[in-house]
Amino acid sequence: MKLTDITIGIISANREDMLLSLLRSLPGLKHRCKILLIENSGNMSASQEFEDALAFLEYVGFEVGCTWQKQGQTMFQLRQQLLERCPTRYMWMIDDDVALVGDPLDTFLQMQRGLPDAIISGNFGYLQGSKIDIRNTEGYDDWQIAATSISLAVGNIPRWFYDYSTLVIADTCVMDCGNVFLDVKRALEVRGFKVPKVLDKQEYTGEDVLMGARLASNYCCLFASNLKVYHFPKSKMRFKTKDPRWLLNSKVDLGISEEIKERLDAFYGSKFGD
């Protein structure tokens, strides 16, 4: 995988302050690549600060594509557009409200030699990194901001930092779109983030759960302990439900294997008190 095969993909929805902070940090990355941004607030196109941030990214060597969308679209729809408009085979998808720890893009490029043969053989679905909340807005019982040295398991991978002296890679079926490297071609082959209209509701979350489950049902999906970002969450939940099992329990065929459904149900059950 070469640098020219990777696009940085960002969705932004009414987080202008955080988006500007993220964009201003990207010139600190060692490598220059394509950036694809979909902005959904309807405000940023008229912002001089925003125009300056994009212009500076172009000046230092990034190739930037930005699209403004009307408000009211769901995260399923916005993330699907990000996939469909991606000009490269692979995407590093990050959220607008994260702060990078080190240089995850360079880390990803450097660590490829240590990845399993699935990357080379074309059976790769996604590589998940950690995204840790700086505040426990979600109300998780096991939330912590400090790194942990416990053994990796599918039930605790994305939301913690792991205190290891060397890279640790583990199998996963849990995706968080706030910090994930994924194979765009494979994602589109399994329908991406598309769901029937009856399930595509503004007040529901779970698009990353759906995408991760679809890819894990068909391809090798991994977690890497040294790909890290901090997450600055909103002060309160935006969705009626934070429990994404409403997707897993749907009677509509969403392309998720029974094995992956069982693994995810056990994982989310432990997080929501079952």
Protein backbone atom coordinates (compact mmCIF):
# COMPACT_ATOMS: atom_id res chain seq x y z
CA MET A 1 0.00 0.00 0.00
CA LYS A 2 1.42 3.38 -1.02
CA LEU A 3 0.71 6.87 0.24
CA THR A 4 -0.98 7.65 -3.09
CA ASP A 5 -3.52 4.91 -2.28
CA ILE A 6 -4.82 6.69 0.85
CA THR A 7 -7.35 9.50 1.38
CA ILE A 8 -8.05 11.18 4.71
CA GLY A 9 -11.86 11.22 5.01
CA ILE A 10 -13.66 13.59 7.38
CA ILE A 11 -17.36 14.14 8.13
CA SER A 12 -18.26 17.34 9.95
CA ALA A 13 -21.67 18.21 11.32
CA ASN A 14 -22.01 21.42 13.35
CA ARG A 15 -18.58 21.23 14.98
CA GLU A 16 -16.93 24.21 13.30
CA ASP A 17 -14.54 24.91 16.17
CA MET A 18 -13.28 21.35 16.38
CA LEU A 19 -13.08 20.96 12.61
CA LEU A 20 -10.86 24.02 12.32
CA SER A 21 -8.62 22.69 15.07
CA LEU A 22 -8.28 19.35 13.26
CA LEU A 23 -7.61 20.93 9.85
CA ARG A 24 -4.96 23.20 11.35
CA SER A 25 -3.20 20.18 12.86
CA LEU A 26 -2.97 18.15 9.62
CA PRO A 27 0.06 20.06 8.21
CA GLY A 28 1.98 18.49 11.11
CA LEU A 29 1.64 15.07 9.47
CA LYS A 30 4.83 13.85 7.85
CA HIS A 31 3.16 12.73 4.62
CA ARG A 32 0.98 14.61 2.14
CA CYS A 33 -2.01 12.85 0.61
CA LYS A 34 -5.58 13.51 -0.50
CA ILE A 35 -8.15 14.92 1.93
CA LEU A 36 -11.90 14.51 1.38
CA LEU A 37 -14.18 16.58 3.62
CA ILE A 38 -17.99 16.56 3.71
CA GLU A 39 -19.35 19.44 5.78
CA ASN A 40 -22.98 19.33 6.87
CA SER A 41 -23.62 22.44 8.96
CA GLY A 42 -24.22 24.87 6.11
CA ASN A 43 -22.07 27.50 7.82
CA MET A 44 -18.45 26.77 7.02
CA SER A 45 -18.46 27.71 3.32
CA ALA A 46 -18.71 31.39 4.27
CA SER A 47 -16.02 31.24 6.97
CA GLN A 48 -12.75 33.02 6.20
CA GLU A 49 -10.98 30.95 8.85
CA PHE A 50 -12.17 27.79 7.16
CA GLU A 51 -11.04 29.03 3.73
CA ASP A 52 -7.64 29.91 5.18
CA ALA A 53 -7.25 26.44 6.71
CA LEU A 54 -8.07 24.72 3.41
CA ALA A 55 -5.80 27.05 1.44
CA PHE A 56 -2.90 26.36 3.78
CA LEU A 57 -3.39 22.60 3.45
CA GLU A 58 -3.16 23.02 -0.32
CA TYR A 59 -0.09 25.24 0.07
CA VAL A 60 1.83 22.63 2.08
CA GLY A 61 1.07 19.87 -0.41
CA PHE A 62 -2.27 18.24 0.41
CA GLU A 63 -4.88 17.72 -2.31
CA VAL A 64 -8.15 18.83 -0.74
CA GLY A 65 -11.69 18.12 -1.87
CA CYS A 66 -14.57 19.67 0.09
CA THR A 67 -18.31 19.20 -0.33
CA TRP A 68 -21.08 21.11 1.46
CA GLN A 69 -24.27 19.17 2.10
CA LYS A 70 -27.70 20.28 3.18
CA GLN A 71 -28.61 19.76 6.79
CA GLY A 72 -30.86 16.90 7.80
CA GLN A 73 -28.94 13.99 6.30
CA THR A 74 -28.17 11.06 8.55
CA MET A 75 -24.68 9.88 9.43
CA PHE A 76 -25.40 6.73 7.40
CA GLN A 77 -25.94 8.90 4.31
CA LEU A 78 -22.97 11.20 4.94
CA ARG A 79 -20.50 8.39 5.52
CA GLN A 80 -21.79 6.56 2.46
CA GLN A 81 -21.08 9.67 0.38
CA LEU A 82 -17.57 9.74 1.81
CA LEU A 83 -16.99 6.19 0.57
CA GLU A 84 -18.54 6.76 -2.85
CA ARG A 85 -16.52 9.92 -3.48
CA CYS A 86 -13.21 8.55 -2.23
CA PRO A 87 -10.67 8.70 -5.11
CA THR A 88 -8.36 6.05 -3.61
CA ARG A 89 -8.55 2.37 -2.61
CA TYR A 90 -8.00 3.08 1.08
CA MET A 91 -9.29 5.71 3.48
CA TRP A 92 -8.20 6.90 6.90
CA MET A 93 -11.56 7.96 8.34
CA ILE A 94 -11.45 10.36 11.28
CA ASP A 95 -14.05 12.51 13.02
CA ASP A 96 -14.01 16.29 13.12
CA ASP A 97 -13.83 16.30 16.93
CA VAL A 98 -10.62 14.33 17.49
CA ALA A 99 -7.07 15.34 18.36
CA LEU A 100 -4.30 13.23 16.85
CA VAL A 101 -1.79 11.48 19.08
CA GLY A 102 1.52 11.58 17.24
CA ASP A 103 1.23 10.85 13.52
CA PRO A 104 -1.21 7.96 12.96
CA LEU A 105 -0.81 8.13 9.18
CA ASP A 106 2.95 7.71 9.35
CA THR A 107 2.53 5.01 11.99
CA PHE A 108 0.15 3.14 9.71
CA LEU A 109 2.52 3.35 6.75
CA GLN A 110 5.50 2.28 8.86
CA MET A 111 3.73 -0.67 10.48
CA GLN A 112 2.58 -2.37 7.29
CA ARG A 113 5.49 -4.79 7.34
CA GLY A 114 4.23 -6.14 10.64
CA LEU A 115 0.65 -6.65 9.51
CA PRO A 116 -0.64 -10.14 8.73
CA ASP A 117 -0.64 -11.45 5.17
CA ALA A 118 -4.32 -10.46 4.86
CA ILE A 119 -3.21 -6.97 3.82
CA ILE A 120 -1.11 -8.32 0.99
CA SER A 121 -3.55 -11.02 -0.08
CA GLY A 122 -6.40 -8.55 -0.50
CA ASN A 123 -8.54 -9.99 2.31
CA PHE A 124 -8.20 -6.83 4.41
CA GLY A 125 -11.38 -5.11 5.62
CA TYR A 126 -10.26 -2.47 8.10
CA LEU A 127 -7.63 -1.61 10.69
CA GLN A 128 -9.10 -0.02 13.81
CA GLY A 129 -7.27 2.38 16.11
CA SER A 130 -8.15 3.68 19.57
CA LYS A 131 -10.41 6.70 20.12
CA ILE A 132 -10.68 7.66 23.76
CA ASP A 133 -13.24 10.12 25.15
CA ILE A 134 -11.68 12.85 27.27
CA ARG A 135 -14.98 13.03 29.20
CA ASN A 136 -17.41 10.23 30.00
CA THR A 137 -20.45 11.72 28.24
CA GLU A 138 -21.71 8.24 27.32
CA GLY A 139 -21.80 7.10 30.95
CA TYR A 140 -19.69 3.95 30.49
CA ASP A 141 -18.94 2.08 33.71
CA ASP A 142 -15.44 1.16 32.51
CA TRP A 143 -14.43 4.55 31.11
CA GLN A 144 -10.91 5.75 31.79
CA ILE A 145 -8.58 8.20 30.13
CA ALA A 146 -5.33 6.63 31.33
CA ALA A 147 -3.74 3.85 29.27
CA THR A 148 -4.34 0.26 30.35
CA SER A 149 -2.03 -2.74 30.14
CA ILE A 150 -4.78 -5.39 30.22
CA SER A 151 -4.89 -8.03 27.52
CA LEU A 152 -6.63 -7.08 24.28
CA ALA A 153 -10.07 -8.54 23.70
CA VAL A 154 -12.85 -7.80 21.24
CA GLY A 155 -14.95 -6.41 24.09
CA ASN A 156 -12.69 -3.50 24.98
CA ILE A 157 -10.61 -2.57 21.95
CA PRO A 158 -11.60 0.83 20.47
CA ARG A 159 -12.36 2.99 23.51
CA TRP A 160 -9.14 2.50 25.49
CA PHE A 161 -5.48 3.30 25.01
CA TYR A 162 -3.17 0.36 25.58
CA ASP A 163 0.12 0.77 27.39
CA TYR A 164 2.40 -1.50 25.41
CA SER A 165 6.06 -0.97 24.58
CA THR A 166 5.60 -2.69 21.20
CA LEU A 167 2.84 -2.85 18.61
CA VAL A 168 0.05 -5.30 19.39
CA ILE A 169 -2.40 -6.40 16.70
CA ALA A 170 -5.63 -8.26 17.46
CA ASP A 171 -8.69 -9.51 15.61
CA THR A 172 -11.77 -7.31 15.92
CA CYS A 173 -15.30 -6.81 14.63
CA VAL A 174 -15.87 -3.50 16.44
CA MET A 175 -15.48 -0.34 14.36
CA ASP A 176 -15.33 3.30 15.38
CA CYS A 177 -15.30 5.62 12.37
CA GLY A 178 -13.47 8.25 14.39
CA ASN A 179 -10.11 6.53 13.75
CA VAL A 180 -10.10 3.68 11.25
CA PHE A 181 -8.19 2.71 8.10
CA LEU A 182 -10.49 0.83 5.75
CA ASP A 183 -10.53 -0.71 2.30
CA VAL A 184 -13.02 1.42 0.37
CA LYS A 185 -13.52 -1.13 -2.39
CA ARG A 186 -14.34 -3.88 0.11
CA ALA A 187 -16.63 -1.55 2.06
CA LEU A 188 -18.66 -0.72 -1.04
CA GLU A 189 -18.83 -4.41 -2.01
CA VAL A 190 -20.70 -5.11 1.25
CA ARG A 191 -23.11 -2.17 0.69
CA GLY A 192 -21.13 0.32 2.75
CA PHE A 193 -23.30 2.29 5.18
CA LYS A 194 -26.50 1.82 3.21
CA VAL A 195 -29.62 0.76 5.09
CA PRO A 196 -33.30 0.59 4.09
CA LYS A 197 -35.16 3.88 4.54
CA VAL A 198 -37.17 2.44 7.40
CA LEU A 199 -33.94 2.16 9.41
CA ASP A 200 -32.22 5.34 8.21
CA LYS A 201 -33.40 7.69 10.93
CA GLN A 202 -31.86 10.99 12.00
CA GLU A 203 -32.08 10.17 15.71
CA TYR A 204 -30.27 6.84 15.52
CA THR A 205 -26.58 6.06 15.59
CA GLY A 206 -24.74 2.84 14.75
CA GLU A 207 -23.41 3.40 11.22
CA ASP A 208 -19.89 2.39 12.27
CA VAL A 209 -21.22 -0.74 13.99
CA LEU A 210 -23.01 -1.69 10.77
CA MET A 211 -19.96 -1.07 8.56
CA GLY A 212 -17.60 -2.92 10.91
CA ALA A 213 -19.97 -5.88 11.18
CA ARG A 214 -20.41 -6.15 7.41
CA LEU A 215 -16.69 -6.09 6.76
CA ALA A 216 -15.89 -8.47 9.62
CA SER A 217 -18.47 -10.92 8.23
CA ASN A 218 -16.45 -11.17 5.02
CA TYR A 219 -12.86 -10.01 5.56
CA CYS A 220 -9.96 -9.88 8.00
CA CYS A 221 -10.48 -6.93 10.39
CA LEU A 222 -7.83 -5.92 12.88
CA PHE A 223 -7.04 -3.57 15.75
CA ALA A 224 -3.64 -1.88 16.16
CA SER A 225 -2.66 -0.61 19.61
CA ASN A 226 -0.49 2.28 18.40
CA LEU A 227 -3.01 4.19 16.25
CA LYS A 228 -4.50 6.71 18.70
CA VAL A 229 -6.69 9.82 18.82
CA TYR A 230 -8.42 11.72 21.62
CA HIS A 231 -12.13 12.45 21.25
CA PHE A 232 -13.81 15.65 22.46
CA PRO A 233 -17.49 14.62 22.75
CA LYS A 234 -20.50 16.90 22.76
CA SER A 235 -21.87 17.83 26.17
CA LYS A 236 -24.87 15.53 25.71
CA MET A 237 -26.03 12.74 23.46
CA ARG A 238 -27.46 13.69 20.05
CA PHE A 239 -29.33 10.40 19.55
CA LYS A 240 -32.40 8.83 21.11
CA THR A 241 -30.49 5.61 21.58
CA LYS A 242 -26.78 5.11 22.18
CA ASP A 243 -27.20 1.32 22.10
CA PRO A 244 -26.47 0.25 18.50
CA ARG A 245 -27.96 -3.22 18.96
CA TRP A 246 -31.16 -1.89 17.40
CA LEU A 247 -29.34 -2.53 14.13
CA LEU A 248 -28.18 -6.01 15.06
CA ASN A 249 -31.70 -7.00 16.08
CA SER A 250 -33.31 -5.74 12.89
CA LYS A 251 -35.38 -8.27 10.94
CA VAL A 252 -34.05 -6.73 7.71
CA ASP A 253 -31.09 -8.53 6.15
CA LEU A 254 -28.16 -6.17 6.68
CA GLY A 255 -25.40 -8.50 5.51
CA ILE A 256 -24.10 -9.43 8.97
CA SER A 257 -23.20 -13.03 9.77
CA GLU A 258 -24.70 -14.76 12.81
CA GLU A 259 -21.23 -15.20 14.31
CA ILE A 260 -20.52 -11.47 14.16
CA LYS A 261 -23.98 -10.66 15.52
CA GLU A 262 -23.30 -12.86 18.56
CA ARG A 263 -19.89 -11.30 19.16
CA LEU A 264 -21.22 -7.75 18.91
CA ASP A 265 -24.29 -8.46 21.00
CA ALA A 266 -22.06 -9.77 23.78
CA PHE A 267 -19.79 -6.73 23.48
CA TYR A 268 -22.56 -4.12 23.54
CA GLY A 269 -24.54 -6.02 26.14
CA SER A 270 -21.62 -5.67 28.54
CA LYS A 271 -21.52 -1.92 27.87
CA PHE A 272 -25.24 -1.28 28.34
CA GLY A 273 -25.97 -3.31 31.44
CA ASP A 274 -27.25 -6.67 30.12
